[in-house]
C-alpha cells in the first residue's frame, strides 16, 4: 500500500485490487487507530485517541476514482466506504474488511468481527483503489498513514505502521466462513 494525496489533515494509504474469482474474496486486516467517539463536538486533540477519524473505501479506477456505489431497484444503495464507527473490531482492536461481490455479501456478513466492502456491480473487472484514511492524527501517534513518505515501498509503510499496516490476502469464501479470518492465514 502506498501513501497517496496527503494534505495537512488527511493521509491515505492505498493499493490497487482486481476482484478475484467467483469463489474468492479479498481480506484486509490491521489494528484500528483509536478515534474520537460520540457525536458531540469537543476539543481536539483528545486524550486516549490516535486520530479524529479513519475509514476504508473502495474506489473505481480511472481519472476521477469515484467511491463504489451499487444502486438497486429493490434494495438499499450499497456504498464502498466504511468509517470507524461502521467497522467491526475484534476484542484486540483489529479490523477485518472483506471485499467481495454483492452476491457474497450476506455470507460475508455472517462472519464474526468482519466488515463487508463491495466491489462494483457495474464495473466488476475494473481495478479498484482501496484507501485507508487517517484524519487528523495526533502528534504522538507514530503509526499513522501520515508518517508514511509518499511513494515509499510497502515494506517502509509496514515498518512505520507496525500492526496498523493493512495486510491484504486473497482467500476462498469457504475458508473465510468456516474458520473466520484465521481460515485465510491469519
N, C-alpha and C. Protein backbone atom coordinates (compact mmCIF):
# COMPACT_ATOMS: atom_id res chain seq x y z
N UNK A 1 0.85 -1.17 0.00
CA UNK A 1 0.00 0.00 0.00
C UNK A 1 0.90 1.24 0.00
N UNK A 2 0.48 2.26 -0.71
CA UNK A 2 1.24 3.50 -0.84
C UNK A 2 0.50 4.66 -0.21
N UNK A 3 1.27 5.68 0.29
CA UNK A 3 0.68 6.91 0.80
C UNK A 3 0.30 7.76 -0.41
N UNK A 4 -0.98 8.12 -0.51
CA UNK A 4 -1.49 8.86 -1.66
C UNK A 4 -2.12 10.17 -1.23
N UNK A 5 -1.83 11.23 -1.95
CA UNK A 5 -2.50 12.52 -1.80
C UNK A 5 -2.59 13.03 -0.36
N UNK A 6 -1.47 13.10 0.36
CA UNK A 6 -1.57 13.63 1.72
C UNK A 6 -1.83 15.13 1.68
N UNK A 7 -2.47 15.63 2.73
CA UNK A 7 -2.65 17.07 2.92
C UNK A 7 -2.51 17.32 4.41
N UNK A 8 -2.61 18.55 4.89
CA UNK A 8 -2.37 18.79 6.32
C UNK A 8 -3.30 18.03 7.27
N UNK A 9 -4.48 17.64 6.80
CA UNK A 9 -5.44 16.98 7.69
C UNK A 9 -5.59 15.48 7.46
N UNK A 10 -5.38 15.01 6.24
CA UNK A 10 -5.63 13.63 5.86
C UNK A 10 -4.40 12.99 5.25
N UNK A 11 -4.31 11.69 5.40
CA UNK A 11 -3.32 10.92 4.65
C UNK A 11 -3.98 9.60 4.30
N UNK A 12 -3.75 9.17 3.08
CA UNK A 12 -4.37 7.96 2.55
C UNK A 12 -3.29 6.94 2.20
N UNK A 13 -3.52 5.72 2.58
CA UNK A 13 -2.68 4.61 2.17
C UNK A 13 -3.53 3.78 1.22
N UNK A 14 -3.03 3.49 0.03
CA UNK A 14 -3.87 2.81 -0.94
C UNK A 14 -3.16 1.73 -1.71
N UNK A 15 -3.97 0.84 -2.27
CA UNK A 15 -3.47 -0.21 -3.15
C UNK A 15 -4.53 -0.53 -4.19
N UNK A 16 -4.07 -1.01 -5.35
CA UNK A 16 -4.97 -1.40 -6.43
C UNK A 16 -5.29 -2.88 -6.32
N UNK A 17 -6.56 -3.21 -6.48
CA UNK A 17 -7.01 -4.60 -6.45
C UNK A 17 -7.95 -4.86 -7.62
N UNK A 18 -7.96 -6.07 -8.07
CA UNK A 18 -8.94 -6.53 -9.04
C UNK A 18 -9.74 -7.64 -8.36
N UNK A 19 -11.03 -7.65 -8.57
CA UNK A 19 -11.87 -8.67 -7.93
C UNK A 19 -11.35 -10.06 -8.29
N UNK A 20 -11.17 -10.93 -7.28
CA UNK A 20 -10.70 -12.29 -7.56
C UNK A 20 -11.81 -13.14 -8.15
N UNK A 21 -11.58 -14.44 -8.27
CA UNK A 21 -12.56 -15.36 -8.82
C UNK A 21 -13.86 -15.40 -8.03
N UNK A 22 -14.87 -16.00 -8.60
CA UNK A 22 -16.22 -16.02 -8.03
C UNK A 22 -16.29 -16.64 -6.63
N UNK A 23 -15.40 -17.55 -6.32
CA UNK A 23 -15.44 -18.22 -5.02
C UNK A 23 -14.41 -17.65 -4.04
N UNK A 24 -13.84 -16.47 -4.38
CA UNK A 24 -12.81 -15.88 -3.54
C UNK A 24 -13.19 -14.47 -3.11
N UNK A 25 -12.53 -13.99 -2.05
CA UNK A 25 -12.71 -12.64 -1.53
C UNK A 25 -11.34 -12.07 -1.20
N UNK A 26 -11.28 -10.76 -0.99
CA UNK A 26 -10.05 -10.10 -0.54
C UNK A 26 -10.24 -9.74 0.93
N UNK A 27 -9.28 -10.12 1.75
CA UNK A 27 -9.33 -9.87 3.19
C UNK A 27 -8.25 -8.86 3.54
N UNK A 28 -8.64 -7.79 4.23
CA UNK A 28 -7.70 -6.75 4.67
C UNK A 28 -7.81 -6.64 6.18
N UNK A 29 -6.68 -6.79 6.86
CA UNK A 29 -6.69 -6.81 8.32
C UNK A 29 -5.57 -5.94 8.88
N UNK A 30 -5.89 -5.21 9.94
CA UNK A 30 -4.91 -4.39 10.63
C UNK A 30 -5.48 -3.89 11.94
N UNK A 31 -4.61 -3.32 12.74
CA UNK A 31 -5.06 -2.74 14.02
C UNK A 31 -5.71 -1.39 13.73
N UNK A 32 -6.81 -1.12 14.40
CA UNK A 32 -7.54 0.13 14.20
C UNK A 32 -6.98 1.22 15.12
N UNK A 33 -6.74 2.42 14.58
CA UNK A 33 -6.38 3.53 15.46
C UNK A 33 -7.59 3.91 16.33
N UNK A 34 -7.33 4.51 17.47
CA UNK A 34 -8.42 4.92 18.36
C UNK A 34 -8.96 6.28 17.92
N UNK A 35 -10.21 6.33 17.42
CA UNK A 35 -10.79 7.60 17.00
C UNK A 35 -11.56 8.25 18.15
N UNK A 36 -12.02 9.46 17.90
CA UNK A 36 -12.92 10.13 18.84
C UNK A 36 -14.24 9.39 18.80
N UNK A 37 -14.84 9.17 19.95
CA UNK A 37 -16.14 8.51 19.98
C UNK A 37 -17.22 9.53 20.31
N UNK A 38 -18.43 9.19 19.96
CA UNK A 38 -19.56 10.06 20.23
C UNK A 38 -19.82 11.05 19.11
N UNK A 39 -20.90 11.77 19.25
CA UNK A 39 -21.31 12.70 18.20
C UNK A 39 -21.22 14.16 18.61
N UNK A 40 -20.75 14.42 19.81
CA UNK A 40 -20.68 15.80 20.28
C UNK A 40 -19.32 16.41 19.95
N UNK A 41 -19.31 17.66 19.51
CA UNK A 41 -18.03 18.32 19.24
C UNK A 41 -17.23 18.46 20.53
N UNK A 42 -15.94 18.55 20.38
CA UNK A 42 -15.09 18.70 21.55
C UNK A 42 -13.73 19.24 21.16
N UNK A 43 -12.94 19.46 22.16
CA UNK A 43 -11.59 19.98 21.96
C UNK A 43 -10.76 18.91 21.26
N UNK A 44 -9.92 19.35 20.33
CA UNK A 44 -9.01 18.43 19.63
C UNK A 44 -7.60 18.92 19.80
N UNK A 45 -6.63 18.08 20.03
CA UNK A 45 -6.75 16.63 20.17
C UNK A 45 -7.30 16.25 21.54
N UNK A 46 -7.83 15.03 21.58
CA UNK A 46 -8.39 14.48 22.82
C UNK A 46 -7.47 13.41 23.37
N UNK A 47 -7.51 13.27 24.69
CA UNK A 47 -6.72 12.21 25.34
C UNK A 47 -7.23 10.85 24.91
N UNK A 48 -6.36 9.89 24.88
CA UNK A 48 -6.69 8.49 24.61
C UNK A 48 -7.23 8.27 23.21
N UNK A 49 -6.79 9.08 22.25
CA UNK A 49 -7.16 8.89 20.85
C UNK A 49 -5.90 8.91 20.00
N UNK A 50 -5.99 8.31 18.82
CA UNK A 50 -4.88 8.31 17.86
C UNK A 50 -5.19 9.22 16.67
N UNK A 51 -6.46 9.24 16.27
CA UNK A 51 -6.90 10.03 15.11
C UNK A 51 -8.29 10.59 15.40
N UNK A 52 -8.65 11.61 14.66
CA UNK A 52 -10.01 12.14 14.79
C UNK A 52 -11.01 11.18 14.15
N UNK A 53 -10.57 10.54 13.05
CA UNK A 53 -11.47 9.72 12.25
C UNK A 53 -10.62 8.84 11.35
N UNK A 54 -11.12 7.66 11.01
CA UNK A 54 -10.46 6.83 10.00
C UNK A 54 -11.53 6.07 9.21
N UNK A 55 -11.16 5.65 8.01
CA UNK A 55 -12.10 4.93 7.15
C UNK A 55 -11.34 4.06 6.16
N UNK A 56 -12.09 3.11 5.56
CA UNK A 56 -11.58 2.28 4.47
C UNK A 56 -12.63 2.37 3.36
N UNK A 57 -12.16 2.64 2.12
CA UNK A 57 -13.08 2.79 0.99
C UNK A 57 -12.57 2.06 -0.24
N UNK A 58 -13.52 1.61 -1.06
CA UNK A 58 -13.19 1.07 -2.38
C UNK A 58 -13.62 2.09 -3.42
N UNK A 59 -12.70 2.39 -4.31
CA UNK A 59 -12.94 3.36 -5.37
C UNK A 59 -12.66 2.70 -6.70
N UNK A 60 -13.34 3.17 -7.74
CA UNK A 60 -13.08 2.66 -9.08
C UNK A 60 -11.84 3.32 -9.67
N UNK A 61 -11.15 2.59 -10.54
CA UNK A 61 -10.03 3.16 -11.25
C UNK A 61 -10.50 4.18 -12.27
N UNK A 62 -9.57 4.83 -12.90
CA UNK A 62 -9.91 5.85 -13.89
C UNK A 62 -9.45 7.21 -13.45
N UNK A 63 -9.79 8.22 -14.21
CA UNK A 63 -9.31 9.57 -13.95
C UNK A 63 -9.81 10.13 -12.62
N UNK A 64 -11.09 9.90 -12.28
CA UNK A 64 -11.67 10.54 -11.10
C UNK A 64 -11.70 9.66 -9.86
N UNK A 65 -11.61 8.36 -10.00
CA UNK A 65 -11.56 7.40 -8.89
C UNK A 65 -12.74 7.55 -7.92
N UNK A 66 -13.98 7.48 -8.43
CA UNK A 66 -15.14 7.64 -7.54
C UNK A 66 -15.30 6.45 -6.60
N UNK A 67 -15.89 6.72 -5.44
CA UNK A 67 -16.21 5.66 -4.49
C UNK A 67 -17.22 4.72 -5.14
N UNK A 68 -17.09 3.43 -4.88
CA UNK A 68 -18.04 2.45 -5.40
C UNK A 68 -19.42 2.74 -4.82
N UNK A 69 -20.40 2.81 -5.70
CA UNK A 69 -21.81 2.96 -5.31
C UNK A 69 -22.60 1.96 -6.13
N UNK A 70 -23.19 0.99 -5.46
CA UNK A 70 -24.03 -0.02 -6.13
C UNK A 70 -25.49 0.31 -5.83
N UNK A 71 -26.23 0.67 -6.88
CA UNK A 71 -27.65 1.03 -6.74
C UNK A 71 -28.52 -0.15 -7.16
N UNK A 72 -29.62 -0.34 -6.42
CA UNK A 72 -30.54 -1.44 -6.68
C UNK A 72 -31.97 -0.93 -6.69
N UNK A 73 -32.80 -1.49 -7.53
CA UNK A 73 -34.21 -1.11 -7.58
C UNK A 73 -34.97 -1.61 -6.36
N UNK A 74 -34.56 -2.76 -5.82
CA UNK A 74 -35.32 -3.40 -4.75
C UNK A 74 -34.56 -3.53 -3.42
N UNK A 75 -33.46 -2.80 -3.29
CA UNK A 75 -32.66 -2.87 -2.05
C UNK A 75 -31.96 -1.53 -1.84
N UNK A 76 -31.52 -1.27 -0.61
CA UNK A 76 -30.81 -0.02 -0.36
C UNK A 76 -29.50 0.07 -1.16
N UNK A 77 -29.09 1.28 -1.45
CA UNK A 77 -27.82 1.53 -2.13
C UNK A 77 -26.69 1.03 -1.24
N UNK A 78 -25.69 0.43 -1.87
CA UNK A 78 -24.52 -0.09 -1.16
C UNK A 78 -23.32 0.79 -1.50
N UNK A 79 -22.80 1.46 -0.49
CA UNK A 79 -21.65 2.36 -0.67
C UNK A 79 -20.35 1.66 -0.32
N UNK A 80 -19.28 2.02 -1.01
CA UNK A 80 -17.99 1.39 -0.83
C UNK A 80 -17.12 2.01 0.23
N UNK A 81 -17.68 2.63 1.25
CA UNK A 81 -16.90 3.20 2.36
C UNK A 81 -17.45 2.74 3.69
N UNK A 82 -16.55 2.50 4.61
CA UNK A 82 -16.92 2.23 5.99
C UNK A 82 -16.03 3.11 6.86
N UNK A 83 -16.66 3.89 7.72
CA UNK A 83 -15.88 4.72 8.62
C UNK A 83 -15.70 4.01 9.95
N UNK A 84 -14.95 4.61 10.85
CA UNK A 84 -14.57 3.92 12.09
C UNK A 84 -15.76 3.41 12.89
N UNK A 85 -16.82 4.20 13.03
CA UNK A 85 -17.99 3.76 13.80
C UNK A 85 -18.77 2.66 13.09
N UNK A 86 -18.50 2.47 11.81
CA UNK A 86 -19.21 1.50 10.99
C UNK A 86 -18.41 0.21 10.78
N UNK A 87 -17.32 0.08 11.51
CA UNK A 87 -16.39 -1.03 11.32
C UNK A 87 -16.38 -1.92 12.56
N UNK A 88 -16.54 -3.21 12.32
CA UNK A 88 -16.46 -4.19 13.42
C UNK A 88 -15.00 -4.38 13.80
N UNK A 89 -14.75 -4.47 15.10
CA UNK A 89 -13.41 -4.74 15.61
C UNK A 89 -13.46 -6.00 16.46
N UNK A 90 -12.36 -6.76 16.46
CA UNK A 90 -12.30 -7.91 17.35
C UNK A 90 -11.92 -7.43 18.75
N UNK A 91 -11.83 -8.33 19.69
CA UNK A 91 -11.56 -7.92 21.08
C UNK A 91 -10.13 -7.43 21.30
N UNK A 92 -9.27 -7.50 20.29
CA UNK A 92 -7.92 -6.95 20.37
C UNK A 92 -7.80 -5.62 19.65
N UNK A 93 -8.90 -5.12 19.08
CA UNK A 93 -8.87 -3.83 18.39
C UNK A 93 -8.45 -3.89 16.94
N UNK A 94 -8.58 -5.05 16.31
CA UNK A 94 -8.23 -5.22 14.90
C UNK A 94 -9.50 -5.23 14.04
N UNK A 95 -9.40 -4.61 12.87
CA UNK A 95 -10.48 -4.69 11.90
C UNK A 95 -10.16 -5.78 10.89
N UNK A 96 -11.20 -6.32 10.28
CA UNK A 96 -11.07 -7.23 9.14
C UNK A 96 -12.11 -6.81 8.12
N UNK A 97 -11.65 -6.24 7.01
CA UNK A 97 -12.55 -5.91 5.90
C UNK A 97 -12.49 -7.06 4.91
N UNK A 98 -13.66 -7.42 4.39
CA UNK A 98 -13.71 -8.43 3.35
C UNK A 98 -14.36 -7.78 2.14
N UNK A 99 -13.59 -7.69 1.06
CA UNK A 99 -14.08 -7.15 -0.20
C UNK A 99 -14.61 -8.30 -1.03
N UNK A 100 -15.86 -8.16 -1.42
CA UNK A 100 -16.49 -9.21 -2.20
C UNK A 100 -17.58 -8.63 -3.08
N UNK A 101 -18.29 -9.50 -3.75
CA UNK A 101 -19.40 -9.08 -4.60
C UNK A 101 -20.65 -8.92 -3.75
N UNK A 102 -21.62 -8.23 -4.29
CA UNK A 102 -22.90 -8.09 -3.58
C UNK A 102 -23.55 -9.45 -3.37
N UNK A 103 -23.32 -10.40 -4.29
CA UNK A 103 -23.87 -11.76 -4.13
C UNK A 103 -23.24 -12.48 -2.94
N UNK A 104 -22.02 -12.12 -2.59
CA UNK A 104 -21.32 -12.74 -1.46
C UNK A 104 -21.62 -12.05 -0.13
N UNK A 105 -22.22 -10.88 -0.20
CA UNK A 105 -22.39 -10.03 0.97
C UNK A 105 -23.07 -10.73 2.15
N UNK A 106 -24.21 -11.35 1.93
CA UNK A 106 -24.95 -11.95 3.05
C UNK A 106 -24.12 -13.04 3.74
N UNK A 107 -23.35 -13.78 2.98
CA UNK A 107 -22.48 -14.81 3.56
C UNK A 107 -21.34 -14.16 4.34
N UNK A 108 -20.71 -13.15 3.76
CA UNK A 108 -19.60 -12.46 4.43
C UNK A 108 -20.06 -11.84 5.74
N UNK A 109 -21.24 -11.24 5.74
CA UNK A 109 -21.71 -10.54 6.94
C UNK A 109 -22.08 -11.48 8.08
N UNK A 110 -22.11 -12.79 7.84
CA UNK A 110 -22.35 -13.73 8.93
C UNK A 110 -21.07 -14.05 9.71
N UNK A 111 -19.93 -13.67 9.16
CA UNK A 111 -18.65 -13.98 9.80
C UNK A 111 -18.39 -12.96 10.91
N UNK A 112 -18.07 -13.47 12.07
CA UNK A 112 -17.84 -12.63 13.26
C UNK A 112 -16.69 -11.64 13.04
N UNK A 113 -16.88 -10.42 13.50
CA UNK A 113 -15.86 -9.36 13.51
C UNK A 113 -15.36 -8.98 12.12
N UNK A 114 -16.20 -9.16 11.10
CA UNK A 114 -15.83 -8.84 9.72
C UNK A 114 -16.74 -7.73 9.21
N UNK A 115 -16.18 -6.81 8.43
CA UNK A 115 -16.94 -5.73 7.80
C UNK A 115 -16.85 -5.89 6.29
N UNK A 116 -17.99 -5.92 5.63
CA UNK A 116 -18.06 -6.08 4.18
C UNK A 116 -17.80 -4.76 3.47
N UNK A 117 -17.03 -4.82 2.38
CA UNK A 117 -16.85 -3.71 1.44
C UNK A 117 -17.11 -4.27 0.04
N UNK A 118 -17.89 -3.55 -0.78
CA UNK A 118 -18.26 -4.11 -2.08
C UNK A 118 -17.29 -3.78 -3.21
N UNK A 119 -17.20 -4.73 -4.14
CA UNK A 119 -16.67 -4.44 -5.46
C UNK A 119 -17.84 -3.87 -6.26
N UNK A 120 -17.55 -3.16 -7.32
CA UNK A 120 -18.59 -2.54 -8.14
C UNK A 120 -19.40 -3.58 -8.90
N UNK A 121 -20.73 -3.41 -8.88
CA UNK A 121 -21.62 -4.26 -9.67
C UNK A 121 -21.52 -3.87 -11.14
N UNK A 122 -21.48 -2.58 -11.43
CA UNK A 122 -21.46 -2.09 -12.81
C UNK A 122 -20.13 -2.29 -13.51
N UNK A 123 -19.04 -2.28 -12.74
CA UNK A 123 -17.69 -2.38 -13.31
C UNK A 123 -16.88 -3.44 -12.56
N UNK A 124 -17.31 -4.68 -12.60
CA UNK A 124 -16.66 -5.72 -11.78
C UNK A 124 -15.22 -6.03 -12.17
N UNK A 125 -14.82 -5.80 -13.42
CA UNK A 125 -13.46 -6.13 -13.84
C UNK A 125 -12.52 -4.92 -13.81
N UNK A 126 -13.05 -3.75 -13.49
CA UNK A 126 -12.23 -2.54 -13.39
C UNK A 126 -11.36 -2.63 -12.14
N UNK A 127 -10.09 -2.25 -12.22
CA UNK A 127 -9.28 -2.20 -10.99
C UNK A 127 -9.91 -1.25 -9.96
N UNK A 128 -9.86 -1.65 -8.72
CA UNK A 128 -10.40 -0.87 -7.60
C UNK A 128 -9.24 -0.35 -6.77
N UNK A 129 -9.33 0.91 -6.36
CA UNK A 129 -8.35 1.52 -5.47
C UNK A 129 -8.94 1.47 -4.06
N UNK A 130 -8.28 0.74 -3.17
CA UNK A 130 -8.72 0.63 -1.79
C UNK A 130 -7.89 1.60 -0.96
N UNK A 131 -8.57 2.47 -0.21
CA UNK A 131 -7.90 3.53 0.54
C UNK A 131 -8.19 3.45 2.04
N UNK A 132 -7.13 3.47 2.83
CA UNK A 132 -7.23 3.62 4.28
C UNK A 132 -6.92 5.09 4.57
N UNK A 133 -7.85 5.76 5.24
CA UNK A 133 -7.72 7.19 5.51
C UNK A 133 -7.55 7.43 7.00
N UNK A 134 -6.58 8.27 7.36
CA UNK A 134 -6.44 8.77 8.73
C UNK A 134 -6.64 10.27 8.69
N UNK A 135 -7.61 10.78 9.45
CA UNK A 135 -7.89 12.21 9.54
C UNK A 135 -7.37 12.74 10.87
N UNK A 136 -6.59 13.79 10.80
CA UNK A 136 -6.06 14.47 11.97
C UNK A 136 -5.44 13.53 13.00
N UNK A 137 -4.36 12.84 12.62
CA UNK A 137 -3.69 12.01 13.63
C UNK A 137 -3.04 12.90 14.69
N UNK A 138 -3.04 12.43 15.92
CA UNK A 138 -2.39 13.19 16.99
C UNK A 138 -0.87 13.10 16.81
N UNK A 139 -0.18 14.09 17.27
CA UNK A 139 1.27 14.17 17.07
C UNK A 139 2.01 12.97 17.66
N UNK A 140 1.50 12.41 18.72
CA UNK A 140 2.17 11.28 19.38
C UNK A 140 1.82 9.91 18.82
N UNK A 141 1.08 9.86 17.70
CA UNK A 141 0.70 8.57 17.12
C UNK A 141 1.65 8.25 15.97
N UNK A 142 2.68 7.43 16.21
CA UNK A 142 3.70 7.19 15.20
C UNK A 142 3.28 6.26 14.07
N UNK A 143 2.14 5.58 14.19
CA UNK A 143 1.74 4.56 13.22
C UNK A 143 0.73 5.07 12.19
N UNK A 144 0.55 6.37 12.11
CA UNK A 144 -0.42 6.96 11.19
C UNK A 144 0.02 6.84 9.73
N UNK A 145 -0.96 6.81 8.84
CA UNK A 145 -0.66 6.86 7.41
C UNK A 145 0.08 8.15 7.05
N UNK A 146 -0.09 9.20 7.84
CA UNK A 146 0.58 10.48 7.58
C UNK A 146 2.09 10.38 7.74
N UNK A 147 2.57 9.38 8.46
CA UNK A 147 4.00 9.22 8.68
C UNK A 147 4.69 8.40 7.60
N UNK A 148 3.92 7.88 6.67
CA UNK A 148 4.48 7.09 5.57
C UNK A 148 4.86 8.04 4.43
N UNK A 149 6.14 8.11 4.04
CA UNK A 149 6.54 9.00 2.95
C UNK A 149 5.84 8.62 1.64
N UNK A 150 5.44 9.64 0.89
CA UNK A 150 4.82 9.42 -0.42
C UNK A 150 5.77 8.63 -1.30
N UNK A 151 5.22 7.68 -2.04
CA UNK A 151 5.96 6.84 -2.98
C UNK A 151 6.98 5.92 -2.32
N UNK A 152 6.85 5.67 -1.03
CA UNK A 152 7.75 4.73 -0.39
C UNK A 152 7.26 3.31 -0.65
N UNK A 153 8.13 2.32 -0.61
CA UNK A 153 7.69 0.94 -0.84
C UNK A 153 6.83 0.43 0.31
N UNK A 154 6.08 -0.62 0.02
CA UNK A 154 5.18 -1.21 1.02
C UNK A 154 5.94 -1.62 2.28
N UNK A 155 7.17 -2.08 2.12
CA UNK A 155 7.96 -2.51 3.28
C UNK A 155 8.20 -1.35 4.24
N UNK A 156 8.43 -0.16 3.69
CA UNK A 156 8.62 1.02 4.53
C UNK A 156 7.34 1.36 5.28
N UNK A 157 6.21 1.35 4.56
CA UNK A 157 4.92 1.62 5.20
C UNK A 157 4.64 0.61 6.30
N UNK A 158 4.92 -0.67 6.04
CA UNK A 158 4.68 -1.71 7.04
C UNK A 158 5.55 -1.51 8.27
N UNK A 159 6.79 -1.09 8.08
CA UNK A 159 7.69 -0.85 9.21
C UNK A 159 7.20 0.34 10.04
N UNK A 160 6.81 1.42 9.39
CA UNK A 160 6.34 2.62 10.11
C UNK A 160 5.04 2.34 10.84
N UNK A 161 4.11 1.68 10.17
CA UNK A 161 2.78 1.49 10.75
C UNK A 161 2.67 0.29 11.68
N UNK A 162 3.62 -0.63 11.61
CA UNK A 162 3.59 -1.79 12.50
C UNK A 162 2.26 -2.53 12.39
N UNK A 163 1.62 -2.83 13.52
CA UNK A 163 0.37 -3.61 13.46
C UNK A 163 -0.79 -2.85 12.81
N UNK A 164 -0.65 -1.55 12.61
CA UNK A 164 -1.69 -0.74 11.98
C UNK A 164 -1.64 -0.83 10.45
N UNK A 165 -0.60 -1.45 9.93
CA UNK A 165 -0.47 -1.60 8.49
C UNK A 165 -1.48 -2.64 8.00
N UNK A 166 -2.28 -2.30 6.99
CA UNK A 166 -3.30 -3.24 6.50
C UNK A 166 -2.69 -4.34 5.64
N UNK A 167 -2.81 -5.57 6.09
CA UNK A 167 -2.32 -6.73 5.34
C UNK A 167 -3.44 -7.23 4.43
N UNK A 168 -3.11 -7.50 3.18
CA UNK A 168 -4.09 -7.89 2.17
C UNK A 168 -3.83 -9.32 1.73
N UNK A 169 -4.91 -10.13 1.70
CA UNK A 169 -4.81 -11.52 1.26
C UNK A 169 -6.04 -11.87 0.43
N UNK A 170 -5.86 -12.78 -0.49
CA UNK A 170 -6.99 -13.36 -1.21
C UNK A 170 -7.29 -14.69 -0.53
N UNK A 171 -8.57 -14.96 -0.34
CA UNK A 171 -8.99 -16.13 0.43
C UNK A 171 -10.24 -16.72 -0.22
N UNK A 172 -10.43 -18.00 -0.05
CA UNK A 172 -11.69 -18.58 -0.54
C UNK A 172 -12.80 -18.21 0.42
N UNK A 173 -13.97 -17.98 -0.11
CA UNK A 173 -15.13 -17.65 0.72
C UNK A 173 -15.44 -18.81 1.67
N UNK A 174 -15.25 -20.03 1.20
CA UNK A 174 -15.49 -21.22 2.04
C UNK A 174 -14.58 -21.23 3.27
N UNK A 175 -13.27 -20.93 3.08
CA UNK A 175 -12.34 -20.89 4.21
C UNK A 175 -12.70 -19.77 5.18
N UNK A 176 -13.08 -18.62 4.65
CA UNK A 176 -13.47 -17.49 5.49
C UNK A 176 -14.68 -17.84 6.35
N UNK A 177 -15.70 -18.43 5.74
CA UNK A 177 -16.92 -18.73 6.51
C UNK A 177 -16.72 -19.90 7.46
N UNK A 178 -15.84 -20.82 7.13
CA UNK A 178 -15.60 -21.97 8.00
C UNK A 178 -14.80 -21.61 9.24
N UNK A 179 -13.76 -20.80 9.06
CA UNK A 179 -12.82 -20.52 10.16
C UNK A 179 -12.61 -19.04 10.45
N UNK A 180 -13.40 -18.16 9.83
CA UNK A 180 -13.21 -16.72 10.01
C UNK A 180 -11.90 -16.29 9.41
N UNK A 181 -11.39 -15.12 9.76
CA UNK A 181 -10.13 -14.64 9.21
C UNK A 181 -8.96 -15.61 9.41
N UNK A 182 -9.03 -16.41 10.47
CA UNK A 182 -7.96 -17.41 10.70
C UNK A 182 -7.89 -18.41 9.56
N UNK A 183 -9.02 -18.69 8.94
CA UNK A 183 -9.06 -19.60 7.80
C UNK A 183 -8.37 -19.04 6.57
N UNK A 184 -8.08 -17.75 6.62
CA UNK A 184 -7.39 -17.09 5.50
C UNK A 184 -5.92 -16.86 5.81
N UNK A 185 -5.40 -17.60 6.74
CA UNK A 185 -3.98 -17.48 7.07
C UNK A 185 -3.69 -16.44 8.12
N UNK A 186 -4.71 -16.01 8.86
CA UNK A 186 -4.50 -15.01 9.91
C UNK A 186 -4.15 -15.69 11.21
